[in-house]
C-alpha atoms as a PDB file:
ATOM      1  CA  MET A   1     114.916 146.159 211.790  1.00  0.00           C
ATOM      2  CA  LYS A   2     115.697 145.772 208.063  1.00  0.00           C
ATOM      3  CA  VAL A   3     115.229 142.014 208.278  1.00  0.00           C
ATOM      4  CA  TYR A   4     111.809 142.537 209.841  1.00  0.00           C
ATOM      5  CA  THR A   5     110.821 144.955 207.056  1.00  0.00           C
ATOM      6  CA  HIS A   6     111.940 142.539 204.335  1.00  0.00           C
ATOM      7  CA  LEU A   7     110.150 139.678 206.044  1.00  0.00           C
ATOM      8  CA  MET A   8     106.916 141.654 206.304  1.00  0.00           C
ATOM      9  CA  THR A   9     107.165 142.739 202.651  1.00  0.00           C
ATOM     10  CA  ALA A  10     107.624 139.132 201.557  1.00  0.00           C
ATOM     11  CA  LEU A  11     104.710 138.003 203.718  1.00  0.00           C
ATOM     12  CA  VAL A  12     102.377 140.684 202.350  1.00  0.00           C
ATOM     13  CA  THR A  13     103.419 139.890 198.755  1.00  0.00           C
ATOM     14  CA  ALA A  14     102.823 136.172 199.262  1.00  0.00           C
ATOM     15  CA  THR A  15      99.424 136.834 200.848  1.00  0.00           C
ATOM     16  CA  LEU A  16      98.344 139.046 197.948  1.00  0.00           C
ATOM     17  CA  ALA A  17      99.509 136.450 195.399  1.00  0.00           C
ATOM     18  CA  LEU A  18      97.533 133.696 197.152  1.00  0.00           C
ATOM     19  CA  ALA A  19      94.456 135.912 197.339  1.00  0.00           C
ATOM     20  CA  ALA A  20      94.676 136.639 193.613  1.00  0.00           C
ATOM     21  CA  ASN A  21      94.983 132.935 192.793  1.00  0.00           C
ATOM     22  CA  SER A  22      92.066 132.105 195.085  1.00  0.00           C
ATOM     23  CA  ALA A  23      89.901 134.692 193.348  1.00  0.00           C
ATOM     24  CA  LEU A  24      90.668 133.123 189.968  1.00  0.00           C
ATOM     25  CA  ALA A  25      90.219 129.598 191.289  1.00  0.00           C
ATOM     26  CA  GLY A  26      86.754 130.381 192.659  1.00  0.00           C
ATOM     27  CA  LYS A  27      85.377 131.906 189.450  1.00  0.00           C
ATOM     28  CA  THR A  28      82.915 129.799 187.508  1.00  0.00           C
ATOM     29  CA  TYR A  29      81.266 130.470 184.165  1.00  0.00           C
ATOM     30  CA  ASP A  30      77.942 129.700 182.546  1.00  0.00           C
ATOM     31  CA  GLU A  31      78.353 127.455 179.457  1.00  0.00           C
ATOM     32  CA  ASN A  32      77.376 130.140 176.947  1.00  0.00           C
ATOM     33  CA  ASP A  33      79.422 132.843 178.687  1.00  0.00           C
ATOM     34  CA  PHE A  34      82.487 130.593 178.619  1.00  0.00           C
ATOM     35  CA  ILE A  35      82.078 129.680 174.950  1.00  0.00           C
ATOM     36  CA  ASN A  36      81.414 133.286 173.905  1.00  0.00           C
ATOM     37  CA  GLY A  37      84.206 134.633 176.104  1.00  0.00           C
ATOM     38  CA  PHE A  38      86.978 132.260 175.017  1.00  0.00           C
ATOM     39  CA  SER A  39      86.225 131.071 171.454  1.00  0.00           C
ATOM     40  CA  GLY A  40      88.932 132.266 169.096  1.00  0.00           C
ATOM     41  CA  LYS A  41      91.068 133.740 171.891  1.00  0.00           C
ATOM     42  CA  SER A  42      94.828 133.267 172.106  1.00  0.00           C
ATOM     43  CA  LYS A  43      96.673 131.149 174.668  1.00  0.00           C
ATOM     44  CA  LYS A  44      97.899 134.360 176.270  1.00  0.00           C
ATOM     45  CA  VAL A  45      94.353 135.619 176.903  1.00  0.00           C
ATOM     46  CA  VAL A  46      93.192 132.250 178.273  1.00  0.00           C
ATOM     47  CA  LEU A  47      96.235 132.054 180.533  1.00  0.00           C
ATOM     48  CA  GLU A  48      95.635 135.585 181.854  1.00  0.00           C
ATOM     49  CA  LYS A  49      91.958 134.929 182.608  1.00  0.00           C
ATOM     50  CA  LEU A  50      92.012 131.293 183.760  1.00  0.00           C
ATOM     51  CA  GLY A  51      95.562 130.706 184.925  1.00  0.00           C
ATOM     52  CA  GLN A  52      97.547 127.531 184.356  1.00  0.00           C
ATOM     53  CA  PRO A  53      95.500 124.421 183.507  1.00  0.00           C
ATOM     54  CA  PHE A  54      95.883 121.347 185.671  1.00  0.00           C
ATOM     55  CA  LYS A  55      96.916 119.345 182.580  1.00  0.00           C
ATOM     56  CA  LYS A  56      98.159 119.999 179.032  1.00  0.00           C
ATOM     57  CA  GLN A  57      98.343 117.586 176.090  1.00  0.00           C
ATOM     58  CA  GLN A  58      99.953 117.968 172.697  1.00  0.00           C
ATOM     59  CA  SER A  59      98.179 116.314 169.775  1.00  0.00           C
ATOM     60  CA  VAL A  60     100.344 113.766 167.948  1.00  0.00           C
ATOM     61  CA  LYS A  61      99.751 112.543 164.415  1.00  0.00           C
ATOM     62  CA  PRO A  62      99.683 108.722 164.270  1.00  0.00           C
ATOM     63  CA  THR A  63     102.577 107.169 162.331  1.00  0.00           C
ATOM     64  CA  ASN A  64     100.316 105.523 159.732  1.00  0.00           C
ATOM     65  CA  ALA A  65      97.973 108.495 159.257  1.00  0.00           C
ATOM     66  CA  ASN A  66      99.234 109.386 155.768  1.00  0.00           C
ATOM     67  CA  SER A  67      98.696 105.855 154.454  1.00  0.00           C
ATOM     68  CA  MET A  68      95.197 105.744 155.961  1.00  0.00           C
ATOM     69  CA  ILE A  69      94.081 108.938 154.219  1.00  0.00           C
ATOM     70  CA  ALA A  70      95.965 108.333 150.952  1.00  0.00           C
ATOM     71  CA  GLY A  71      92.810 107.140 149.200  1.00  0.00           C
ATOM     72  CA  ILE A  72      90.784 110.110 150.416  1.00  0.00           C
ATOM     73  CA  GLY A  73      93.100 112.798 149.121  1.00  0.00           C
ATOM     74  CA  LYS A  74      96.741 113.707 149.341  1.00  0.00           C
ATOM     75  CA  GLN A  75      97.762 116.401 151.774  1.00  0.00           C
ATOM     76  CA  GLN A  76      99.284 119.334 149.978  1.00  0.00           C
ATOM     77  CA  ASP A  77     103.032 119.626 150.455  1.00  0.00           C
ATOM     78  CA  SER A  78     102.762 123.411 150.656  1.00  0.00           C
ATOM     79  CA  SER A  79     100.427 123.368 153.670  1.00  0.00           C
ATOM     80  CA  LYS A  80     101.707 124.752 156.955  1.00  0.00           C
ATOM     81  CA  PRO A  81     102.056 122.420 159.939  1.00  0.00           C
ATOM     82  CA  VAL A  82      99.199 122.594 162.417  1.00  0.00           C
ATOM     83  CA  GLN A  83      99.915 122.650 166.156  1.00  0.00           C
ATOM     84  CA  VAL A  84      97.097 121.271 168.300  1.00  0.00           C
ATOM     85  CA  GLU A  85      97.211 121.490 172.083  1.00  0.00           C
ATOM     86  CA  MET A  86      94.562 120.746 174.697  1.00  0.00           C
ATOM     87  CA  TRP A  87      94.353 122.417 178.111  1.00  0.00           C
ATOM     88  CA  TYR A  88      92.218 120.979 180.909  1.00  0.00           C
ATOM     89  CA  TYR A  89      90.562 122.828 183.793  1.00  0.00           C
ATOM     90  CA  LYS A  90      88.543 121.396 186.697  1.00  0.00           C
ATOM     91  CA  ASN A  91      85.167 122.618 188.001  1.00  0.00           C
ATOM     92  CA  LEU A  92      85.185 125.782 185.912  1.00  0.00           C
ATOM     93  CA  VAL A  93      81.872 125.772 183.999  1.00  0.00           C
ATOM     94  CA  LYS A  94      78.388 125.394 185.500  1.00  0.00           C
ATOM     95  CA  TYR A  95      75.683 123.355 183.808  1.00  0.00           C
ATOM     96  CA  ASP A  96      73.033 124.391 186.336  1.00  0.00           C
ATOM     97  CA  LYS A  97      72.842 126.667 189.389  1.00  0.00           C
ATOM     98  CA  LYS A  98      74.517 124.192 191.759  1.00  0.00           C
ATOM     99  CA  ASN A  99      76.768 121.928 189.653  1.00  0.00           C
ATOM    100  CA  THR A 100      79.865 122.339 187.521  1.00  0.00           C
ATOM    101  CA  TYR A 101      81.337 120.056 184.901  1.00  0.00           C
ATOM    102  CA  LYS A 102      84.209 118.025 186.344  1.00  0.00           C
ATOM    103  CA  GLU A 103      86.469 118.951 183.439  1.00  0.00           C
ATOM    104  CA  THR A 104      86.626 121.583 180.708  1.00  0.00           C
ATOM    105  CA  GLU A 105      88.821 120.973 177.664  1.00  0.00           C
ATOM    106  CA  VAL A 106      90.064 123.959 175.676  1.00  0.00           C
ATOM    107  CA  THR A 107      91.613 122.973 172.329  1.00  0.00           C
ATOM    108  CA  PHE A 108      94.029 125.353 170.636  1.00  0.00           C
ATOM    109  CA  VAL A 109      94.890 125.169 166.942  1.00  0.00           C
ATOM    110  CA  ASN A 110      97.924 127.307 166.125  1.00  0.00           C
ATOM    111  CA  ASP A 111      97.551 129.324 169.361  1.00  0.00           C
ATOM    112  CA  ARG A 112      93.793 130.034 169.031  1.00  0.00           C
ATOM    113  CA  VAL A 113      90.862 128.381 170.828  1.00  0.00           C
ATOM    114  CA  MET A 114      89.056 126.290 168.213  1.00  0.00           C
ATOM    115  CA  ASN A 115      87.109 123.818 170.354  1.00  0.00           C
ATOM    116  CA  ILE A 116      85.697 123.720 173.867  1.00  0.00           C
ATOM    117  CA  GLY A 117      84.351 120.603 175.559  1.00  0.00           C
ATOM    118  CA  PHE A 118      82.695 119.978 178.911  1.00  0.00           C
ATOM    119  CA  PHE A 119      82.898 116.548 180.574  1.00  0.00           C
ATOM    120  CA  ASN A 120      81.618 114.748 183.659  1.00  0.00           C
ATOM    121  CA  ASN A 121      82.726 111.239 182.715  1.00  0.00           C
ATOM    122  CA  ARG A 122      86.509 111.502 182.900  1.00  0.00           C
END
């Protein structure tokens, strides 16, 4: 009887977890609502509201970047390093009543959303 109870508990828990993920997966946003709702937010907030992205990318500084910008102005040695990371979501933001953008890019700079892009050509 105990095995049956544990099995049923596990089944109910798994069903509730899938239902919660499905509810998040089905949510779409209007462009302005998405921008207003997520601009400046932390990774933690985005993760709580949108879940895991389907892809993440870390920005990498090219090896010859310092020599390319040497004539423009020297970067201050006292400046803090900047961490840039992009998260990608599919079919999340609507551009009209029936269609969503294929991909939404959320760019974080030092753990805060600084740029949001919507794409259909990727």
